[in-house]
Amino acid sequence: MSKNKNALIADSLPDKIFNVFITIITFLFTVACAYPLIYVLSASFSDPMDIFAGRVWLLPVNPNLKGYETIFAYKDIWVGYGNSVFYTVFGTLINVFMTVLAAYPLSRKDLKYQKPIIMMFTFTMLFNAGMIPNYLLIRDLGILNTRWALLLPGAISVYNMIIVRTFFRSNIPDELLESARLDGCSDFTFLLKIVLPLSGAVIAVISLYYAVGHWNQYFNAVLYLTDKKIYPLQVFLRNILLQTSINDVSAGSVANETERTYLNELLKYSLIVVASAPLLAIYPFIQKYFVKGVMVGAVKG
């Protein structure tokens, strides 16, 4: 009897209506998020005249590789790709190293003056010197127009540091540290051999955050770099979208100005795909850590 009652409650009309409502809302949100991605991908493979005429809605129209052929014929794209990979890999390593070094001591309850130190970190989240003082600082440090100008100024994110600190405090019990000390384990060894292996989720999350930031950065490069050999990909992307650098490439293969305009419209979509593809390929391998890493690091404390 009780089983039948429970079944009736579970299958009641309000529950069914609620489930249908949630399903519809979820479907609409999925479509709203997926459609722009599908449209950009389809447009990047479509004929430029069809894009300009607005005939591309979901699937490619008159599929071709003209946009990608033009992009990869532009040699600076490969320079930008190489530089962005360099900034992303080494910049992320520096970021994670600095974040962990700051987060671990601040997660320890026996650290003296912990609150004032955290307040000093938090202060930097609320106030910034500004663009011109930052430029003067980079210049006076002697790293203007070098790769270090994109690696060192943002070596640590206070927001990410707070997430990692909270994760350490919530998931690394004090008893584990006491046990390790009884075995003669130093703080540095404890961090390397015990804390980090147990913190793979949050490390993966902040690594992706940092990597996305390095891959997408262009404003600091525009401010601090003048040598095209060390420009990241996004600067070349910006130049192409502004139609200041691509004309030299397209002029030899396009018969007239109208076709060149069509080609530039196509390049906007092709460049988005070229610039986003590496991160989209990496994301599925790290996505499973997001809920665990971010929620534990941000909610518990």
C-alpha atoms as a PDB file:
ATOM      1  CA  MET A   1       0.000   0.000   0.000  1.00  0.00           C
ATOM      2  CA  SER A   2       2.757   2.445   1.007  1.00  0.00           C
ATOM      3  CA  LYS A   3       4.637   1.691  -2.214  1.00  0.00           C
ATOM      4  CA  ASN A   4       1.583   2.542  -4.285  1.00  0.00           C
ATOM      5  CA  LYS A   5       1.137   5.778  -2.336  1.00  0.00           C
ATOM      6  CA  ASN A   6       4.719   6.824  -2.974  1.00  0.00           C
ATOM      7  CA  ALA A   7       4.340   6.019  -6.650  1.00  0.00           C
ATOM      8  CA  LEU A   8       1.210   8.131  -6.845  1.00  0.00           C
ATOM      9  CA  ILE A   9       2.919  11.049  -5.117  1.00  0.00           C
ATOM     10  CA  ALA A  10       5.929  10.807  -7.422  1.00  0.00           C
ATOM     11  CA  ASP A  11       3.682  10.723 -10.487  1.00  0.00           C
ATOM     12  CA  SER A  12       1.344  13.469  -9.304  1.00  0.00           C
ATOM     13  CA  LEU A  13       0.270  16.177 -11.738  1.00  0.00           C
ATOM     14  CA  PRO A  14       2.250  19.051 -10.102  1.00  0.00           C
ATOM     15  CA  ASP A  15       5.450  16.990 -10.309  1.00  0.00           C
ATOM     16  CA  LYS A  16       4.844  16.205 -13.959  1.00  0.00           C
ATOM     17  CA  ILE A  17       4.161  19.862 -14.754  1.00  0.00           C
ATOM     18  CA  PHE A  18       7.293  20.905 -12.888  1.00  0.00           C
ATOM     19  CA  ASN A  19       9.438  18.331 -14.738  1.00  0.00           C
ATOM     20  CA  VAL A  20       8.059  19.445 -18.106  1.00  0.00           C
ATOM     21  CA  PHE A  21       8.687  23.097 -17.220  1.00  0.00           C
ATOM     22  CA  ILE A  22      12.285  22.420 -16.149  1.00  0.00           C
ATOM     23  CA  THR A  23      12.896  20.358 -19.288  1.00  0.00           C
ATOM     24  CA  ILE A  24      11.638  23.177 -21.521  1.00  0.00           C
ATOM     25  CA  ILE A  25      13.701  25.815 -19.711  1.00  0.00           C
ATOM     26  CA  THR A  26      16.826  23.642 -19.899  1.00  0.00           C
ATOM     27  CA  PHE A  27      16.251  23.022 -23.606  1.00  0.00           C
ATOM     28  CA  LEU A  28      15.837  26.745 -24.310  1.00  0.00           C
ATOM     29  CA  PHE A  29      19.003  27.601 -22.403  1.00  0.00           C
ATOM     30  CA  THR A  30      20.889  24.875 -24.277  1.00  0.00           C
ATOM     31  CA  VAL A  31      19.707  26.217 -27.625  1.00  0.00           C
ATOM     32  CA  ALA A  32      20.575  29.791 -26.620  1.00  0.00           C
ATOM     33  CA  CYS A  33      24.120  28.715 -25.691  1.00  0.00           C
ATOM     34  CA  ALA A  34      24.707  26.272 -28.547  1.00  0.00           C
ATOM     35  CA  TYR A  35      23.248  28.206 -31.478  1.00  0.00           C
ATOM     36  CA  PRO A  36      25.876  31.009 -31.588  1.00  0.00           C
ATOM     37  CA  LEU A  37      28.658  28.392 -31.564  1.00  0.00           C
ATOM     38  CA  ILE A  38      27.005  26.362 -34.318  1.00  0.00           C
ATOM     39  CA  TYR A  39      26.340  29.504 -36.359  1.00  0.00           C
ATOM     40  CA  VAL A  40      29.956  30.696 -36.147  1.00  0.00           C
ATOM     41  CA  LEU A  41      31.252  27.260 -37.115  1.00  0.00           C
ATOM     42  CA  SER A  42      28.815  26.980 -40.035  1.00  0.00           C
ATOM     43  CA  ALA A  43      29.563  30.503 -41.246  1.00  0.00           C
ATOM     44  CA  SER A  44      33.306  29.795 -41.208  1.00  0.00           C
ATOM     45  CA  PHE A  45      32.758  27.016 -43.776  1.00  0.00           C
ATOM     46  CA  SER A  46      30.179  28.877 -45.895  1.00  0.00           C
ATOM     47  CA  ASP A  47      30.554  30.935 -49.036  1.00  0.00           C
ATOM     48  CA  PRO A  48      31.274  34.593 -48.112  1.00  0.00           C
ATOM     49  CA  MET A  49      28.517  35.909 -50.403  1.00  0.00           C
ATOM     50  CA  ASP A  50      25.948  33.748 -48.620  1.00  0.00           C
ATOM     51  CA  ILE A  51      27.131  35.029 -45.229  1.00  0.00           C
ATOM     52  CA  PHE A  52      26.898  38.623 -46.397  1.00  0.00           C
ATOM     53  CA  ALA A  53      23.403  37.984 -47.788  1.00  0.00           C
ATOM     54  CA  GLY A  54      22.249  36.430 -44.504  1.00  0.00           C
ATOM     55  CA  ARG A  55      21.503  32.999 -45.962  1.00  0.00           C
ATOM     56  CA  VAL A  56      23.439  31.117 -43.283  1.00  0.00           C
ATOM     57  CA  TRP A  57      21.212  30.078 -40.382  1.00  0.00           C
ATOM     58  CA  LEU A  58      22.295  26.690 -39.073  1.00  0.00           C
ATOM     59  CA  LEU A  59      24.234  24.591 -41.609  1.00  0.00           C
ATOM     60  CA  PRO A  60      26.993  25.765 -43.987  1.00  0.00           C
ATOM     61  CA  VAL A  61      25.810  27.132 -47.335  1.00  0.00           C
ATOM     62  CA  ASN A  62      27.993  26.253 -50.350  1.00  0.00           C
ATOM     63  CA  PRO A  63      30.721  24.791 -48.070  1.00  0.00           C
ATOM     64  CA  ASN A  64      34.334  25.700 -48.789  1.00  0.00           C
ATOM     65  CA  LEU A  65      37.636  26.314 -46.988  1.00  0.00           C
ATOM     66  CA  LYS A  66      38.372  29.751 -48.447  1.00  0.00           C
ATOM     67  CA  GLY A  67      38.482  31.455 -45.030  1.00  0.00           C
ATOM     68  CA  TYR A  68      40.879  28.946 -43.516  1.00  0.00           C
ATOM     69  CA  GLU A  69      43.094  28.909 -46.611  1.00  0.00           C
ATOM     70  CA  THR A  70      43.435  32.694 -46.422  1.00  0.00           C
ATOM     71  CA  ILE A  71      44.155  32.670 -42.690  1.00  0.00           C
ATOM     72  CA  PHE A  72      46.846  30.017 -42.803  1.00  0.00           C
ATOM     73  CA  ALA A  73      48.471  31.699 -45.784  1.00  0.00           C
ATOM     74  CA  TYR A  74      49.069  34.671 -43.483  1.00  0.00           C
ATOM     75  CA  LYS A  75      52.420  33.720 -41.951  1.00  0.00           C
ATOM     76  CA  ASP A  76      52.017  35.910 -38.851  1.00  0.00           C
ATOM     77  CA  ILE A  77      49.161  33.655 -37.721  1.00  0.00           C
ATOM     78  CA  TRP A  78      51.688  30.900 -37.054  1.00  0.00           C
ATOM     79  CA  VAL A  79      53.909  33.347 -35.181  1.00  0.00           C
ATOM     80  CA  GLY A  80      50.918  34.349 -33.069  1.00  0.00           C
ATOM     81  CA  TYR A  81      49.972  30.735 -32.444  1.00  0.00           C
ATOM     82  CA  GLY A  82      53.472  29.890 -31.261  1.00  0.00           C
ATOM     83  CA  ASN A  83      53.638  32.924 -28.994  1.00  0.00           C
ATOM     84  CA  SER A  84      50.196  32.289 -27.513  1.00  0.00           C
ATOM     85  CA  VAL A  85      51.107  28.689 -26.761  1.00  0.00           C
ATOM     86  CA  PHE A  86      54.281  29.921 -25.065  1.00  0.00           C
ATOM     87  CA  TYR A  87      52.434  32.526 -22.984  1.00  0.00           C
ATOM     88  CA  THR A  88      49.686  30.075 -22.089  1.00  0.00           C
ATOM     89  CA  VAL A  89      51.959  27.229 -20.996  1.00  0.00           C
ATOM     90  CA  PHE A  90      54.621  29.168 -19.121  1.00  0.00           C
ATOM     91  CA  GLY A  91      52.234  31.833 -17.866  1.00  0.00           C
ATOM     92  CA  THR A  92      49.914  29.196 -16.406  1.00  0.00           C
ATOM     93  CA  LEU A  93      52.845  27.429 -14.722  1.00  0.00           C
ATOM     94  CA  ILE A  94      53.943  30.697 -13.122  1.00  0.00           C
ATOM     95  CA  ASN A  95      50.361  31.484 -12.074  1.00  0.00           C
ATOM     96  CA  VAL A  96      49.734  28.101 -10.466  1.00  0.00           C
ATOM     97  CA  PHE A  97      53.121  28.144  -8.730  1.00  0.00           C
ATOM     98  CA  MET A  98      52.549  31.603  -7.243  1.00  0.00           C
ATOM     99  CA  THR A  99      48.920  30.869  -6.333  1.00  0.00           C
ATOM    100  CA  VAL A 100      49.762  27.677  -4.457  1.00  0.00           C
ATOM    101  CA  LEU A 101      52.684  29.324  -2.651  1.00  0.00           C
ATOM    102  CA  ALA A 102      50.377  32.090  -1.432  1.00  0.00           C
ATOM    103  CA  ALA A 103      47.319  29.924  -0.739  1.00  0.00           C
ATOM    104  CA  TYR A 104      48.960  27.184   1.322  1.00  0.00           C
ATOM    105  CA  PRO A 105      50.445  29.359   4.107  1.00  0.00           C
ATOM    106  CA  LEU A 106      47.214  31.360   4.298  1.00  0.00           C
ATOM    107  CA  SER A 107      45.235  28.138   4.701  1.00  0.00           C
ATOM    108  CA  ARG A 108      47.210  27.216   7.820  1.00  0.00           C
ATOM    109  CA  LYS A 109      45.459  28.172  11.051  1.00  0.00           C
ATOM    110  CA  ASP A 110      48.786  28.631  12.850  1.00  0.00           C
ATOM    111  CA  LEU A 111      49.962  31.422  10.530  1.00  0.00           C
ATOM    112  CA  LYS A 112      50.504  34.667  12.433  1.00  0.00           C
ATOM    113  CA  TYR A 113      48.944  37.912  11.167  1.00  0.00           C
ATOM    114  CA  GLN A 114      46.807  35.949   8.733  1.00  0.00           C
ATOM    115  CA  LYS A 115      43.911  38.438   8.619  1.00  0.00           C
ATOM    116  CA  PRO A 116      46.052  41.519   7.845  1.00  0.00           C
ATOM    117  CA  ILE A 117      47.827  39.601   5.080  1.00  0.00           C
ATOM    118  CA  ILE A 118      44.528  38.517   3.530  1.00  0.00           C
ATOM    119  CA  MET A 119      43.261  42.094   3.770  1.00  0.00           C
ATOM    120  CA  MET A 120      46.305  43.288   1.831  1.00  0.00           C
ATOM    121  CA  PHE A 121      45.594  40.727  -0.880  1.00  0.00           C
ATOM    122  CA  THR A 122      41.918  41.682  -0.975  1.00  0.00           C
ATOM    123  CA  PHE A 123      42.813  45.385  -1.207  1.00  0.00           C
ATOM    124  CA  THR A 124      44.349  44.740  -4.637  1.00  0.00           C
ATOM    125  CA  MET A 125      41.010  43.377  -5.869  1.00  0.00           C
ATOM    126  CA  LEU A 126      39.273  46.664  -5.070  1.00  0.00           C
ATOM    127  CA  PHE A 127      41.870  49.232  -6.116  1.00  0.00           C
ATOM    128  CA  ASN A 128      44.176  49.445  -9.113  1.00  0.00           C
ATOM    129  CA  ALA A 129      46.875  51.996  -9.894  1.00  0.00           C
ATOM    130  CA  GLY A 130      45.629  52.432 -13.450  1.00  0.00           C
ATOM    131  CA  MET A 131      46.946  51.961 -16.945  1.00  0.00           C
ATOM    132  CA  ILE A 132      49.604  54.703 -17.008  1.00  0.00           C
ATOM    133  CA  PRO A 133      51.219  53.855 -13.626  1.00  0.00           C
ATOM    134  CA  ASN A 134      51.253  50.185 -14.645  1.00  0.00           C
ATOM    135  CA  TYR A 135      52.942  51.094 -17.918  1.00  0.00           C
ATOM    136  CA  LEU A 136      55.559  53.173 -16.096  1.00  0.00           C
ATOM    137  CA  LEU A 137      56.171  50.298 -13.690  1.00  0.00           C
ATOM    138  CA  ILE A 138      56.693  47.818 -16.545  1.00  0.00           C
ATOM    139  CA  ARG A 139      59.067  50.291 -18.199  1.00  0.00           C
ATOM    140  CA  ASP A 140      61.084  50.928 -15.039  1.00  0.00           C
ATOM    141  CA  LEU A 141      61.381  47.188 -14.376  1.00  0.00           C
ATOM    142  CA  GLY A 142      63.074  46.865 -17.756  1.00  0.00           C
ATOM    143  CA  ILE A 143      60.636  44.312 -19.159  1.00  0.00           C
ATOM    144  CA  LEU A 144      58.860  46.581 -21.645  1.00  0.00           C
ATOM    145  CA  ASN A 145      58.659  44.950 -25.085  1.00  0.00           C
ATOM    146  CA  THR A 146      59.702  41.552 -23.705  1.00  0.00           C
ATOM    147  CA  ARG A 147      57.785  38.348 -23.052  1.00  0.00           C
ATOM    148  CA  TRP A 148      58.025  39.000 -19.312  1.00  0.00           C
ATOM    149  CA  ALA A 149      55.668  41.951 -19.717  1.00  0.00           C
ATOM    150  CA  LEU A 150      52.846  39.471 -20.333  1.00  0.00           C
ATOM    151  CA  LEU A 151      53.964  36.852 -17.809  1.00  0.00           C
ATOM    152  CA  LEU A 152      54.911  38.691 -14.614  1.00  0.00           C
ATOM    153  CA  PRO A 153      52.325  41.483 -14.034  1.00  0.00           C
ATOM    154  CA  GLY A 154      49.457  39.023 -13.644  1.00  0.00           C
ATOM    155  CA  ALA A 155      51.448  36.294 -11.919  1.00  0.00           C
ATOM    156  CA  ILE A 156      48.724  35.730  -9.332  1.00  0.00           C
ATOM    157  CA  SER A 157      44.970  36.209  -9.214  1.00  0.00           C
ATOM    158  CA  VAL A 158      43.723  36.974  -5.703  1.00  0.00           C
ATOM    159  CA  TYR A 159      40.324  35.493  -6.529  1.00  0.00           C
ATOM    160  CA  ASN A 160      41.904  32.182  -7.551  1.00  0.00           C
ATOM    161  CA  MET A 161      44.205  32.287  -4.547  1.00  0.00           C
ATOM    162  CA  ILE A 162      41.204  32.598  -2.207  1.00  0.00           C
ATOM    163  CA  ILE A 163      39.526  29.627  -3.901  1.00  0.00           C
ATOM    164  CA  VAL A 164      42.642  27.474  -3.506  1.00  0.00           C
ATOM    165  CA  ARG A 165      43.151  28.625   0.083  1.00  0.00           C
ATOM    166  CA  THR A 166      39.576  27.693   0.985  1.00  0.00           C
ATOM    167  CA  PHE A 167      39.977  24.337  -0.736  1.00  0.00           C
ATOM    168  CA  PHE A 168      43.149  23.576   1.237  1.00  0.00           C
ATOM    169  CA  ARG A 169      41.542  24.584   4.525  1.00  0.00           C
ATOM    170  CA  SER A 170      38.384  22.555   3.860  1.00  0.00           C
ATOM    171  CA  ASN A 171      39.959  19.372   2.519  1.00  0.00           C
ATOM    172  CA  ILE A 172      43.371  19.016   4.170  1.00  0.00           C
ATOM    173  CA  PRO A 173      42.746  18.117   7.844  1.00  0.00           C
ATOM    174  CA  ASP A 174      45.121  19.313  10.553  1.00  0.00           C
ATOM    175  CA  GLU A 175      45.537  15.717  11.724  1.00  0.00           C
ATOM    176  CA  LEU A 176      47.163  14.876   8.396  1.00  0.00           C
ATOM    177  CA  LEU A 177      49.787  17.564   8.950  1.00  0.00           C
ATOM    178  CA  GLU A 178      50.443  16.407  12.509  1.00  0.00           C
ATOM    179  CA  SER A 179      50.856  12.825  11.340  1.00  0.00           C
ATOM    180  CA  ALA A 180      53.266  13.908   8.601  1.00  0.00           C
ATOM    181  CA  ARG A 181      55.312  15.927  11.097  1.00  0.00           C
ATOM    182  CA  LEU A 182      55.656  12.871  13.329  1.00  0.00           C
ATOM    183  CA  ASP A 183      57.251  11.114  10.378  1.00  0.00           C
ATOM    184  CA  GLY A 184      59.730  13.983   9.948  1.00  0.00           C
ATOM    185  CA  CYS A 185      57.966  15.623   7.004  1.00  0.00           C
ATOM    186  CA  SER A 186      58.777  19.285   6.421  1.00  0.00           C
ATOM    187  CA  ASP A 187      56.165  21.843   5.339  1.00  0.00           C
ATOM    188  CA  PHE A 188      57.522  21.973   1.807  1.00  0.00           C
ATOM    189  CA  THR A 189      57.526  18.170   1.482  1.00  0.00           C
ATOM    190  CA  PHE A 190      54.010  18.044   2.934  1.00  0.00           C
ATOM    191  CA  LEU A 191      52.849  20.523   0.311  1.00  0.00           C
ATOM    192  CA  LEU A 192      54.461  18.669  -2.579  1.00  0.00           C
ATOM    193  CA  LYS A 193      53.738  15.066  -1.653  1.00  0.00           C
ATOM    194  CA  ILE A 194      50.435  15.286   0.205  1.00  0.00           C
ATOM    195  CA  VAL A 195      48.586  18.570  -0.374  1.00  0.00           C
ATOM    196  CA  LEU A 196      49.043  18.888  -4.142  1.00  0.00           C
ATOM    197  CA  PRO A 197      48.118  15.265  -4.993  1.00  0.00           C
ATOM    198  CA  LEU A 198      44.909  15.712  -2.975  1.00  0.00           C
ATOM    199  CA  SER A 199      44.092  19.007  -4.705  1.00  0.00           C
ATOM    200  CA  GLY A 200      44.007  17.947  -8.335  1.00  0.00           C
ATOM    201  CA  ALA A 201      40.461  19.231  -8.871  1.00  0.00           C
ATOM    202  CA  VAL A 202      41.015  22.817  -7.791  1.00  0.00           C
ATOM    203  CA  ILE A 203      44.450  22.976  -9.458  1.00  0.00           C
ATOM    204  CA  ALA A 204      42.873  21.849 -12.739  1.00  0.00           C
ATOM    205  CA  VAL A 205      40.163  24.498 -12.445  1.00  0.00           C
ATOM    206  CA  ILE A 206      42.450  27.449 -11.776  1.00  0.00           C
ATOM    207  CA  SER A 207      44.867  26.204 -14.440  1.00  0.00           C
ATOM    208  CA  LEU A 208      42.095  26.428 -16.999  1.00  0.00           C
ATOM    209  CA  TYR A 209      41.100  29.876 -15.745  1.00  0.00           C
ATOM    210  CA  TYR A 210      44.661  31.108 -16.077  1.00  0.00           C
ATOM    211  CA  ALA A 211      45.172  29.402 -19.443  1.00  0.00           C
ATOM    212  CA  VAL A 212      42.056  31.021 -20.913  1.00  0.00           C
ATOM    213  CA  GLY A 213      43.218  34.411 -19.659  1.00  0.00           C
ATOM    214  CA  HIS A 214      46.657  34.027 -21.247  1.00  0.00           C
ATOM    215  CA  TRP A 215      45.273  32.693 -24.499  1.00  0.00           C
ATOM    216  CA  ASN A 216      42.783  35.558 -24.880  1.00  0.00           C
ATOM    217  CA  GLN A 217      44.966  38.444 -23.756  1.00  0.00           C
ATOM    218  CA  TYR A 218      45.680  41.200 -26.231  1.00  0.00           C
ATOM    219  CA  PHE A 219      45.265  44.524 -24.425  1.00  0.00           C
ATOM    220  CA  ASN A 220      48.472  44.190 -22.403  1.00  0.00           C
ATOM    221  CA  ALA A 221      50.276  43.074 -25.544  1.00  0.00           C
ATOM    222  CA  VAL A 222      49.089  46.195 -27.377  1.00  0.00           C
ATOM    223  CA  LEU A 223      50.279  48.355 -24.463  1.00  0.00           C
ATOM    224  CA  TYR A 224      53.621  46.757 -23.699  1.00  0.00           C
ATOM    225  CA  LEU A 225      54.816  45.154 -26.949  1.00  0.00           C
ATOM    226  CA  THR A 226      56.008  46.711 -30.183  1.00  0.00           C
ATOM    227  CA  ASP A 227      57.932  43.767 -31.635  1.00  0.00           C
ATOM    228  CA  LYS A 228      55.665  41.696 -33.895  1.00  0.00           C
ATOM    229  CA  LYS A 229      57.806  38.637 -33.268  1.00  0.00           C
ATOM    230  CA  ILE A 230      56.449  38.348 -29.721  1.00  0.00           C
ATOM    231  CA  TYR A 231      52.836  39.339 -30.382  1.00  0.00           C
ATOM    232  CA  PRO A 232      50.259  36.789 -29.171  1.00  0.00           C
ATOM    233  CA  LEU A 233      47.676  35.413 -31.566  1.00  0.00           C
ATOM    234  CA  GLN A 234      44.923  37.741 -30.369  1.00  0.00           C
ATOM    235  CA  VAL A 235      46.814  40.833 -31.547  1.00  0.00           C
ATOM    236  CA  PHE A 236      47.025  39.463 -35.077  1.00  0.00           C
ATOM    237  CA  LEU A 237      43.367  38.490 -34.796  1.00  0.00           C
ATOM    238  CA  ARG A 238      42.520  42.036 -33.778  1.00  0.00           C
ATOM    239  CA  ASN A 239      44.481  43.465 -36.704  1.00  0.00           C
ATOM    240  CA  ILE A 240      42.748  41.181 -39.147  1.00  0.00           C
ATOM    241  CA  LEU A 241      39.295  41.986 -37.802  1.00  0.00           C
ATOM    242  CA  LEU A 242      40.097  45.683 -38.190  1.00  0.00           C
ATOM    243  CA  GLN A 243      41.035  44.934 -41.796  1.00  0.00           C
ATOM    244  CA  THR A 244      44.445  46.516 -41.435  1.00  0.00           C
ATOM    245  CA  SER A 245      46.679  43.510 -41.948  1.00  0.00           C
ATOM    246  CA  ILE A 246      44.717  41.087 -44.089  1.00  0.00           C
ATOM    247  CA  ASN A 247      44.523  43.265 -47.200  1.00  0.00           C
ATOM    248  CA  ASP A 248      48.080  42.358 -48.170  1.00  0.00           C
ATOM    249  CA  VAL A 249      47.103  38.703 -48.090  1.00  0.00           C
ATOM    250  CA  SER A 250      43.757  38.964 -49.784  1.00  0.00           C
ATOM    251  CA  ALA A 251      44.726  41.443 -52.499  1.00  0.00           C
ATOM    252  CA  GLY A 252      46.586  38.846 -54.509  1.00  0.00           C
ATOM    253  CA  SER A 253      43.693  36.360 -54.556  1.00  0.00           C
ATOM    254  CA  VAL A 254      40.623  38.630 -54.730  1.00  0.00           C
ATOM    255  CA  ALA A 255      39.626  40.268 -57.975  1.00  0.00           C
ATOM    256  CA  ASN A 256      37.871  43.353 -56.693  1.00  0.00           C
ATOM    257  CA  GLU A 257      36.953  45.326 -53.616  1.00  0.00           C
ATOM    258  CA  THR A 258      33.484  43.770 -53.311  1.00  0.00           C
ATOM    259  CA  GLU A 259      34.852  40.244 -53.120  1.00  0.00           C
ATOM    260  CA  ARG A 260      37.470  41.429 -50.640  1.00  0.00           C
ATOM    261  CA  THR A 261      34.669  42.789 -48.430  1.00  0.00           C
ATOM    262  CA  TYR A 262      32.907  39.427 -48.610  1.00  0.00           C
ATOM    263  CA  LEU A 263      36.136  37.651 -47.720  1.00  0.00           C
ATOM    264  CA  ASN A 264      36.731  39.879 -44.701  1.00  0.00           C
ATOM    265  CA  GLU A 265      33.234  39.018 -43.473  1.00  0.00           C
ATOM    266  CA  LEU A 266      34.058  35.314 -43.776  1.00  0.00           C
ATOM    267  CA  LEU A 267      37.392  35.782 -41.997  1.00  0.00           C
ATOM    268  CA  LYS A 268      35.664  37.116 -38.889  1.00  0.00           C
ATOM    269  CA  TYR A 269      34.063  33.731 -38.317  1.00  0.00           C
ATOM    270  CA  SER A 270      37.014  31.640 -39.451  1.00  0.00           C
ATOM    271  CA  LEU A 271      39.350  33.518 -37.117  1.00  0.00           C
ATOM    272  CA  ILE A 272      37.064  32.932 -34.139  1.00  0.00           C
ATOM    273  CA  VAL A 273      37.208  29.192 -34.808  1.00  0.00           C
ATOM    274  CA  VAL A 274      40.978  29.200 -35.318  1.00  0.00           C
ATOM    275  CA  ALA A 275      41.547  31.153 -32.097  1.00  0.00           C
ATOM    276  CA  SER A 276      39.090  29.147 -29.987  1.00  0.00           C
ATOM    277  CA  ALA A 277      39.768  25.604 -31.210  1.00  0.00           C
ATOM    278  CA  PRO A 278      42.702  24.765 -28.867  1.00  0.00           C
ATOM    279  CA  LEU A 279      40.823  25.723 -25.690  1.00  0.00           C
ATOM    280  CA  LEU A 280      37.650  23.999 -26.866  1.00  0.00           C
ATOM    281  CA  ALA A 281      39.702  20.843 -27.394  1.00  0.00           C
ATOM    282  CA  ILE A 282      41.181  20.998 -23.880  1.00  0.00           C
ATOM    283  CA  TYR A 283      37.983  21.887 -22.030  1.00  0.00           C
ATOM    284  CA  PRO A 284      36.264  18.435 -22.112  1.00  0.00           C
ATOM    285  CA  PHE A 285      39.217  16.889 -20.265  1.00  0.00           C
ATOM    286  CA  ILE A 286      38.981  19.415 -17.404  1.00  0.00           C
ATOM    287  CA  GLN A 287      35.217  20.056 -17.278  1.00  0.00           C
ATOM    288  CA  LYS A 288      34.591  17.174 -14.852  1.00  0.00           C
ATOM    289  CA  TYR A 289      36.681  18.963 -12.199  1.00  0.00           C
ATOM    290  CA  PHE A 290      34.706  22.199 -12.339  1.00  0.00           C
ATOM    291  CA  VAL A 291      31.820  21.397 -10.021  1.00  0.00           C
ATOM    292  CA  LYS A 292      34.025  19.693  -7.462  1.00  0.00           C
ATOM    293  CA  GLY A 293      36.876  22.190  -7.587  1.00  0.00           C
ATOM    294  CA  VAL A 294      34.970  25.456  -7.716  1.00  0.00           C
ATOM    295  CA  MET A 295      32.082  24.566  -5.426  1.00  0.00           C
ATOM    296  CA  VAL A 296      34.259  23.103  -2.681  1.00  0.00           C
ATOM    297  CA  GLY A 297      36.732  25.954  -2.937  1.00  0.00           C
ATOM    298  CA  ALA A 298      34.105  28.679  -2.965  1.00  0.00           C
ATOM    299  CA  VAL A 299      31.365  27.450  -0.631  1.00  0.00           C
ATOM    300  CA  LYS A 300      33.113  25.783   2.270  1.00  0.00           C
ATOM    301  CA  GLY A 301      35.241  27.829   4.616  1.00  0.00           C
END
